[in-house]
Amino acid sequence: MKILVINCGSSSLKYQVIDMATKNAIGKGLVERIGLAGSVLTHRTKSGAKEVITAEIPDHTVAIKLVLEALVSPHYGTIEDLKEICGVGHRVVHGGEKFSKSVLIDDPVMEALEECVELAPLHNPPNIAGIKACQTMMPGVPQVAVFDTAFHQTMQPKSYIYGLPYEYYQTYGIRKYGFHGTSHKYVSQRAAVLLQRPLSELKLISCHLGNGASICAIRGGKSIETSMGFTPLDGLMMGTRSGALDPAIVTYIMNKENLTVDQMNDFLNKKCGALGVSGISSDFRDIEVAAAQGNARAQLALDIFEHDVRQFIGSYAAVLGGVDGIIFTAGVGENSASMREGICNNLEYIGVDLDIEKNKVRSEEVDVSKPNARCRVLIIPTNEELMIALETNDLIR
């Protein structure tokens, strides 16, 4: 059984075909600049061979058409016939309170997704466009929606209700939703395997650290607290996102800089975070290089990020009542030994005892703690595509 996984952005589309017998990707690729000049599809086969296809790609329907043609190409395809694809799993960023788990897509589900657009106006429309394109191009093939927010629907009201008039939650749905749920769910399941303990017994803190970053407290395999909130802007300082702020700062800057609501939203999402502090880049690799060369603002950006992560870990340890394992995942979490070491500094009080030599790895699934550490430190490369494929496979079977 083969599952096609689709992840649509506003002008991009990532895809993988996963063979459920082996759990391996047998073909994957990326469509860039949809609706823009210079559109391109980069397709990779199981062997890693790359094929670059340039074409005019005005919308997601055309993008899906090109992807399907690439998958069955006699020259660089990965399957012989589209009938080999038994289902399509779609990453959907926001399911609101309507979806606490993945679902087979039908007309009522599509209506509900449209209703969630106002909660994620940048993300949900391209997700919906990708679904509609697949329905058009692959009639009769089951389509499944897998939500970034669904994993966090196990949080209790004391975790997700803000200190605002309660009517705002009832009328506008203003509450903490949390994101990166597919990643947090996947790595927590892998942590149980790595620790050789039932997930139902574990207290875990999952640190998804990349250009976008969030932390999740997981008890018994369920999310009980997470750092992102009503939008993915909340929580940690990120590559270009500010993270949590005193709310008064927003109106203060708007007044001082004479910014509109849209300009302020763009500023907080695209011009702040590590980019704004360092003045160099939103890429932590660039910032680490600059810091090593003595750039004080680059070092400050790293210090703030490490401090933020450590602060959330400490608060979530209190919420959980102890921690069995801290998971590092995503681009920075998986690959930056210095960042992991910096974050783990001064966490001995919750049982962390990092093995500095073991920690000198990149993107490996490994426990990097010393033998007697009470709280294990785990590096677990995330695989959201596989998690989407597994959930899609479960539903269509």
Protein backbone atom coordinates (compact mmCIF):
# COMPACT_ATOMS: atom_id res chain seq x y z
CA MET A 1 0.00 0.00 0.00
CA LYS A 2 1.35 3.41 -0.98
CA ILE A 3 0.26 6.74 0.50
CA LEU A 4 0.81 10.15 -1.10
CA VAL A 5 1.48 12.89 1.46
CA ILE A 6 0.77 16.48 0.41
CA ASN A 7 1.84 19.63 2.28
CA CYS A 8 0.67 22.80 0.54
CA GLY A 9 1.96 26.27 1.28
CA SER A 10 0.73 29.48 -0.31
CA SER A 11 3.22 29.21 -3.19
CA SER A 12 4.79 25.81 -2.58
CA LEU A 13 3.89 22.14 -2.39
CA LYS A 14 5.95 19.40 -0.72
CA TYR A 15 5.10 15.77 -1.38
CA GLN A 16 6.21 12.22 -0.60
CA VAL A 17 5.06 8.78 -1.64
CA ILE A 18 5.50 6.38 1.27
CA ASP A 19 5.45 2.61 0.93
CA MET A 20 3.59 1.47 4.02
CA ALA A 21 5.17 -1.99 3.86
CA THR A 22 8.60 -0.52 4.58
CA LYS A 23 7.60 2.90 5.99
CA ASN A 24 10.08 4.45 3.56
CA ALA A 25 9.66 7.29 1.07
CA ILE A 26 10.05 5.98 -2.48
CA GLY A 27 9.73 9.39 -4.10
CA LYS A 28 9.45 12.97 -2.97
CA GLY A 29 9.77 16.51 -4.16
CA LEU A 30 8.99 20.18 -3.94
CA VAL A 31 7.04 22.55 -6.18
CA GLU A 32 8.09 26.17 -5.72
CA ARG A 33 6.78 29.56 -6.84
CA ILE A 34 3.22 28.44 -7.58
CA GLY A 35 1.42 31.36 -9.19
CA LEU A 36 4.69 33.23 -9.71
CA ALA A 37 7.24 33.56 -12.48
CA GLY A 38 9.98 30.94 -12.48
CA SER A 39 7.87 28.03 -11.19
CA VAL A 40 9.83 24.81 -10.73
CA LEU A 41 9.28 21.22 -9.58
CA THR A 42 12.24 19.37 -8.07
CA HIS A 43 11.54 15.63 -7.96
CA ARG A 44 13.71 13.02 -6.23
CA THR A 45 13.52 9.27 -6.74
CA LYS A 46 14.15 6.57 -4.15
CA SER A 47 17.82 6.46 -5.21
CA GLY A 48 18.14 10.21 -4.63
CA ALA A 49 18.37 11.09 -8.32
CA LYS A 50 17.07 14.61 -8.95
CA GLU A 51 14.93 15.84 -11.82
CA VAL A 52 14.21 19.57 -12.17
CA ILE A 53 11.12 20.50 -14.18
CA THR A 54 10.41 24.12 -15.09
CA ALA A 55 6.91 25.03 -16.17
CA GLU A 56 4.21 27.62 -15.78
CA ILE A 57 2.35 26.61 -12.60
CA PRO A 58 -0.46 29.12 -12.01
CA ASP A 59 -2.25 27.23 -9.24
CA HIS A 60 -2.25 24.14 -7.02
CA THR A 61 -4.32 22.10 -9.49
CA VAL A 62 -1.59 22.42 -12.10
CA ALA A 63 1.03 21.71 -9.43
CA ILE A 64 -0.73 18.48 -8.42
CA LYS A 65 -1.03 17.49 -12.09
CA LEU A 66 2.73 17.92 -12.58
CA VAL A 67 3.49 15.98 -9.39
CA LEU A 68 1.35 13.04 -10.49
CA GLU A 69 2.97 13.07 -13.94
CA ALA A 70 6.42 13.05 -12.31
CA LEU A 71 5.49 10.12 -10.08
CA VAL A 72 4.57 7.88 -13.03
CA SER A 73 7.17 9.17 -15.50
CA PRO A 74 8.87 6.27 -17.37
CA HIS A 75 12.18 8.16 -17.05
CA TYR A 76 12.28 9.28 -13.41
CA GLY A 77 9.00 8.16 -11.83
CA THR A 78 8.70 6.16 -8.64
CA ILE A 79 5.52 4.18 -9.38
CA GLU A 80 4.16 2.60 -12.53
CA ASP A 81 0.50 3.56 -12.15
CA LEU A 82 -1.45 6.06 -10.04
CA LYS A 83 -3.72 3.19 -9.02
CA GLU A 84 -0.91 2.14 -6.70
CA ILE A 85 -1.75 5.16 -4.51
CA CYS A 86 -4.41 4.02 -2.05
CA GLY A 87 -4.90 7.31 -0.23
CA VAL A 88 -3.71 10.91 0.07
CA GLY A 89 -2.83 12.47 3.41
CA HIS A 90 -2.98 16.26 3.60
CA ARG A 91 -1.29 18.39 6.21
CA VAL A 92 -3.82 20.97 7.41
CA VAL A 93 -2.50 23.62 9.75
CA HIS A 94 -5.66 24.60 11.63
CA GLY A 95 -8.63 22.47 12.59
CA GLY A 96 -9.84 24.72 15.41
CA GLU A 97 -11.96 22.91 17.98
CA LYS A 98 -13.78 21.03 15.24
CA PHE A 99 -11.17 18.29 14.85
CA SER A 100 -9.38 16.42 17.62
CA LYS A 101 -8.05 13.75 15.28
CA SER A 102 -7.40 13.07 11.60
CA VAL A 103 -10.49 12.56 9.43
CA LEU A 104 -11.55 11.24 6.06
CA ILE A 105 -12.46 14.25 3.95
CA ASP A 106 -16.04 14.65 2.78
CA ASP A 107 -18.29 17.64 2.05
CA PRO A 108 -19.05 18.47 5.73
CA VAL A 109 -15.32 18.33 6.52
CA MET A 110 -14.56 20.71 3.64
CA GLU A 111 -17.20 23.11 4.96
CA ALA A 112 -15.61 22.97 8.41
CA LEU A 113 -12.16 23.64 6.94
CA GLU A 114 -13.53 26.72 5.18
CA GLU A 115 -14.88 27.93 8.54
CA CYS A 116 -11.38 27.61 10.04
CA VAL A 117 -9.83 29.88 7.39
CA GLU A 118 -10.23 32.98 9.55
CA LEU A 119 -8.13 31.29 12.25
CA ALA A 120 -5.29 30.58 9.80
CA PRO A 121 -5.73 32.87 6.79
CA LEU A 122 -2.16 32.29 5.55
CA HIS A 123 -2.13 28.52 5.92
CA ASN A 124 -5.56 26.95 5.51
CA PRO A 125 -6.45 28.34 2.05
CA PRO A 126 -3.50 26.62 0.31
CA ASN A 127 -4.20 23.45 2.32
CA ILE A 128 -7.77 23.49 1.03
CA ALA A 129 -6.59 24.24 -2.52
CA GLY A 130 -4.36 21.16 -2.41
CA ILE A 131 -7.22 18.97 -1.24
CA LYS A 132 -9.53 20.21 -3.99
CA ALA A 133 -6.82 19.69 -6.61
CA CYS A 134 -6.28 16.08 -5.50
CA GLN A 135 -10.02 15.44 -5.48
CA THR A 136 -10.16 16.71 -9.06
CA MET A 137 -7.10 14.83 -10.31
CA MET A 138 -7.62 11.62 -8.31
CA PRO A 139 -11.37 10.99 -8.16
CA GLY A 140 -12.35 8.12 -5.91
CA VAL A 141 -9.05 8.03 -3.99
CA PRO A 142 -9.65 8.56 -0.23
CA GLN A 143 -8.38 11.91 1.04
CA VAL A 144 -7.45 12.42 4.71
CA ALA A 145 -6.87 15.65 6.65
CA VAL A 146 -4.19 15.52 9.35
CA PHE A 147 -4.22 18.63 11.56
CA ASP A 148 -1.31 20.43 13.25
CA THR A 149 -3.72 21.48 16.00
CA ALA A 150 -5.44 18.14 16.65
CA PHE A 151 -2.82 16.71 19.03
CA HIS A 152 -3.28 19.65 21.40
CA GLN A 153 -7.05 19.21 21.73
CA THR A 154 -6.37 17.17 24.89
CA MET A 155 -5.34 20.35 26.75
CA GLN A 156 -7.68 21.40 29.56
CA PRO A 157 -9.41 24.81 29.67
CA LYS A 158 -6.99 26.03 32.35
CA SER A 159 -4.23 25.64 29.72
CA TYR A 160 -5.96 27.10 26.69
CA ILE A 161 -8.26 29.90 27.93
CA TYR A 162 -6.72 33.38 27.91
CA GLY A 163 -7.32 36.11 30.49
CA LEU A 164 -9.90 37.83 28.27
CA PRO A 165 -13.67 38.15 28.60
CA TYR A 166 -14.97 34.60 28.23
CA GLU A 167 -17.38 35.74 25.51
CA TYR A 168 -14.41 36.28 23.20
CA TYR A 169 -13.70 32.57 23.37
CA GLN A 170 -17.37 31.73 22.81
CA THR A 171 -17.89 34.24 19.98
CA TYR A 172 -14.54 34.35 18.19
CA GLY A 173 -12.85 31.11 19.24
CA ILE A 174 -9.95 32.97 20.84
CA ARG A 175 -7.95 30.36 22.78
CA LYS A 176 -4.62 28.58 22.66
CA TYR A 177 -4.63 25.98 19.87
CA GLY A 178 -0.98 24.98 19.58
CA PHE A 179 0.80 23.79 16.44
CA HIS A 180 3.48 21.30 15.30
CA GLY A 181 1.17 18.65 16.75
CA THR A 182 2.04 16.03 14.14
CA SER A 183 5.73 16.39 14.97
CA HIS A 184 5.22 16.32 18.74
CA LYS A 185 3.04 13.23 18.43
CA TYR A 186 5.55 11.39 16.25
CA VAL A 187 8.62 12.07 18.40
CA SER A 188 6.79 11.21 21.63
CA GLN A 189 5.89 7.81 20.19
CA ARG A 190 9.49 7.26 19.12
CA ALA A 191 10.68 8.33 22.59
CA ALA A 192 8.68 5.50 24.16
CA VAL A 193 10.40 3.04 21.81
CA LEU A 194 13.83 4.51 22.54
CA LEU A 195 13.26 4.43 26.31
CA GLN A 196 11.65 0.97 26.14
CA ARG A 197 8.73 2.13 28.28
CA PRO A 198 4.99 2.43 27.60
CA LEU A 199 4.08 5.88 26.33
CA SER A 200 1.18 5.86 28.80
CA GLU A 201 3.69 5.99 31.68
CA LEU A 202 5.92 8.78 30.38
CA LYS A 203 6.21 12.48 31.15
CA LEU A 204 7.95 14.11 28.17
CA ILE A 205 8.89 17.59 26.99
CA SER A 206 9.15 17.80 23.21
CA CYS A 207 11.25 20.67 21.82
CA HIS A 208 10.55 21.24 18.11
CA LEU A 209 13.28 23.75 17.37
CA GLY A 210 13.64 25.14 13.87
CA ASN A 211 12.95 28.43 12.14
CA GLY A 212 9.51 27.92 13.64
CA ALA A 213 9.70 26.48 17.15
CA SER A 214 7.40 25.19 19.85
CA ILE A 215 7.58 23.15 23.03
CA CYS A 216 4.99 20.66 24.25
CA ALA A 217 4.42 19.00 27.62
CA ILE A 218 3.19 15.44 27.04
CA ARG A 219 1.78 13.18 29.72
CA GLY A 220 0.81 9.64 28.80
CA GLY A 221 1.06 10.45 25.11
CA LYS A 222 -1.29 13.44 25.36
CA SER A 223 -0.53 17.13 25.04
CA ILE A 224 -1.29 19.01 28.24
CA GLU A 225 0.50 22.30 27.47
CA THR A 226 2.27 23.91 24.51
CA SER A 227 4.06 27.16 23.76
CA MET A 228 2.35 28.31 20.55
CA GLY A 229 -1.05 29.82 21.13
CA PHE A 230 -3.92 31.29 19.12
CA THR A 231 -1.42 31.56 16.26
CA PRO A 232 2.09 30.19 15.61
CA LEU A 233 3.46 33.60 16.64
CA ASP A 234 3.30 32.92 20.38
CA GLY A 235 5.83 31.26 22.65
CA LEU A 236 9.53 31.05 21.82
CA MET A 237 11.47 33.69 19.93
CA MET A 238 11.91 32.09 16.49
CA GLY A 239 13.75 32.76 13.23
CA THR A 240 11.65 35.78 12.23
CA ARG A 241 8.78 35.63 14.76
CA SER A 242 8.88 37.63 17.97
CA GLY A 243 7.40 34.99 20.26
CA ALA A 244 5.62 36.05 23.46
CA LEU A 245 5.53 39.81 24.13
CA ASP A 246 3.99 42.20 26.60
CA PRO A 247 0.76 42.99 24.64
CA ALA A 248 1.25 46.71 25.23
CA ILE A 249 4.41 46.63 23.09
CA VAL A 250 2.26 45.97 20.01
CA THR A 251 0.18 49.13 20.28
CA TYR A 252 3.20 51.13 21.45
CA ILE A 253 5.20 50.26 18.31
CA MET A 254 2.16 50.78 16.08
CA ASN A 255 1.79 54.28 17.49
CA LYS A 256 5.50 55.15 17.31
CA GLU A 257 6.03 53.76 13.79
CA ASN A 258 2.55 54.66 12.47
CA LEU A 259 1.86 51.05 11.41
CA THR A 260 -1.43 49.57 10.27
CA VAL A 261 -2.74 46.29 11.69
CA ASP A 262 -1.53 44.39 8.62
CA GLN A 263 1.89 46.05 8.74
CA MET A 264 2.25 45.20 12.42
CA ASN A 265 1.27 41.60 11.82
CA ASP A 266 3.84 41.36 9.03
CA PHE A 267 6.47 42.97 11.27
CA LEU A 268 5.94 40.52 14.15
CA ASN A 269 5.95 37.49 11.86
CA LYS A 270 8.72 38.35 9.41
CA LYS A 271 11.10 40.96 10.84
CA CYS A 272 11.54 40.03 14.50
CA GLY A 273 12.92 37.03 16.35
CA ALA A 274 16.53 35.94 15.82
CA LEU A 275 16.69 38.02 12.63
CA GLY A 276 15.65 41.18 14.43
CA VAL A 277 17.98 40.66 17.41
CA SER A 278 21.04 39.53 15.46
CA GLY A 279 20.58 41.79 12.45
CA ILE A 280 22.21 39.02 10.43
CA SER A 281 19.88 36.19 9.49
CA SER A 282 16.89 34.11 10.52
CA ASP A 283 18.98 30.95 10.00
CA PHE A 284 20.51 29.79 13.27
CA ARG A 285 23.45 28.27 11.38
CA ASP A 286 24.44 31.70 10.09
CA ILE A 287 23.96 33.18 13.54
CA GLU A 288 26.16 30.50 15.17
CA VAL A 289 28.95 31.24 12.66
CA ALA A 290 28.72 34.97 13.36
CA ALA A 291 28.71 34.39 17.12
CA ALA A 292 31.83 32.24 16.83
CA GLN A 293 33.48 35.15 15.04
CA GLY A 294 32.73 37.44 17.97
CA ASN A 295 29.50 39.13 16.85
CA ALA A 296 27.85 40.20 20.11
CA ARG A 297 24.31 40.53 18.74
CA ALA A 298 24.50 37.09 17.16
CA GLN A 299 25.56 35.66 20.51
CA LEU A 300 22.73 37.54 22.20
CA ALA A 301 20.19 35.97 19.81
CA LEU A 302 21.51 32.50 20.67
CA ASP A 303 21.47 33.30 24.38
CA ILE A 304 17.86 34.50 24.23
CA PHE A 305 16.73 31.41 22.34
CA GLU A 306 18.48 29.04 24.76
CA HIS A 307 17.08 30.97 27.72
CA ASP A 308 13.54 30.85 26.29
CA VAL A 309 13.68 27.10 25.70
CA ARG A 310 15.16 26.41 29.14
CA GLN A 311 12.49 28.59 30.74
CA PHE A 312 9.68 26.66 29.05
CA ILE A 313 11.27 23.34 30.01
CA GLY A 314 11.38 24.44 33.64
CA SER A 315 7.77 25.58 33.66
CA TYR A 316 6.59 22.42 31.91
CA ALA A 317 8.52 20.26 34.38
CA ALA A 318 6.39 21.92 37.06
CA VAL A 319 3.18 21.31 35.11
CA LEU A 320 4.08 17.64 34.53
CA GLY A 321 5.32 17.08 38.08
CA GLY A 322 8.65 15.70 36.85
CA VAL A 323 10.18 14.74 33.52
CA ASP A 324 11.26 11.35 32.17
CA GLY A 325 12.68 12.69 28.92
CA ILE A 326 13.41 15.86 26.97
CA ILE A 327 13.20 15.46 23.18
CA PHE A 328 15.10 17.64 20.72
CA THR A 329 13.78 17.61 17.15
CA ALA A 330 13.51 19.67 13.92
CA GLY A 331 16.36 21.52 12.19
CA VAL A 332 18.04 23.19 15.16
CA GLY A 333 17.07 20.58 17.73
CA GLU A 334 18.38 17.68 15.66
CA ASN A 335 21.55 19.28 14.32
CA SER A 336 22.98 21.82 16.75
CA ALA A 337 25.02 20.13 19.49
CA SER A 338 26.01 23.50 20.95
CA MET A 339 22.39 24.62 21.19
CA ARG A 340 21.35 21.40 22.94
CA GLU A 341 24.27 21.72 25.35
CA GLY A 342 23.44 25.34 26.09
CA ILE A 343 19.77 24.57 26.74
CA CYS A 344 20.60 21.64 29.04
CA ASN A 345 22.95 23.78 31.11
CA ASN A 346 21.53 24.23 34.65
CA LEU A 347 18.80 21.60 34.18
CA GLU A 348 20.49 19.19 36.59
CA TYR A 349 17.77 19.87 39.16
CA ILE A 350 15.23 17.96 37.03
CA GLY A 351 17.64 15.07 36.46
CA VAL A 352 19.39 16.11 33.24
CA ASP A 353 22.99 14.94 32.90
CA LEU A 354 24.12 15.41 29.31
CA ASP A 355 26.99 13.36 27.90
CA ILE A 356 28.95 15.98 25.94
CA GLU A 357 30.64 13.40 23.69
CA LYS A 358 27.42 11.52 22.87
CA ASN A 359 25.78 14.86 22.12
CA LYS A 360 28.22 15.54 19.23
CA VAL A 361 25.88 14.02 16.63
CA ARG A 362 23.55 15.34 13.96
CA SER A 363 20.11 14.07 13.07
CA GLU A 364 20.43 10.66 14.74
CA GLU A 365 17.84 8.96 16.93
CA VAL A 366 19.83 8.58 20.12
CA ASP A 367 19.85 9.04 23.91
CA VAL A 368 22.68 11.48 24.72
CA SER A 369 22.42 11.27 28.52
CA LYS A 370 24.92 9.83 30.94
CA PRO A 371 23.97 6.34 32.19
CA ASN A 372 22.52 7.38 35.56
CA ALA A 373 20.61 10.49 34.46
CA ARG A 374 17.06 10.54 35.84
CA CYS A 375 15.76 12.63 32.93
CA ARG A 376 16.90 11.32 29.56
CA VAL A 377 17.87 13.73 26.77
CA LEU A 378 16.83 12.36 23.38
CA ILE A 379 17.55 13.46 19.83
CA ILE A 380 14.75 12.24 17.58
CA PRO A 381 14.57 13.39 13.94
CA THR A 382 10.99 14.29 13.22
CA ASN A 383 9.08 12.66 10.38
CA GLU A 384 5.78 14.46 9.99
CA GLU A 385 5.25 12.93 6.54
CA LEU A 386 5.44 9.40 7.94
CA MET A 387 3.07 10.35 10.77
CA ILE A 388 0.59 11.72 8.21
CA ALA A 389 0.95 8.54 6.13
CA LEU A 390 0.38 6.31 9.17
CA GLU A 391 -2.77 8.18 10.17
CA THR A 392 -4.03 8.17 6.58
CA ASN A 393 -3.37 4.45 6.30
CA ASP A 394 -5.24 3.74 9.55
CA LEU A 395 -8.30 5.69 8.41
CA ILE A 396 -8.61 4.27 4.90
CA ARG A 397 -8.18 0.71 6.17
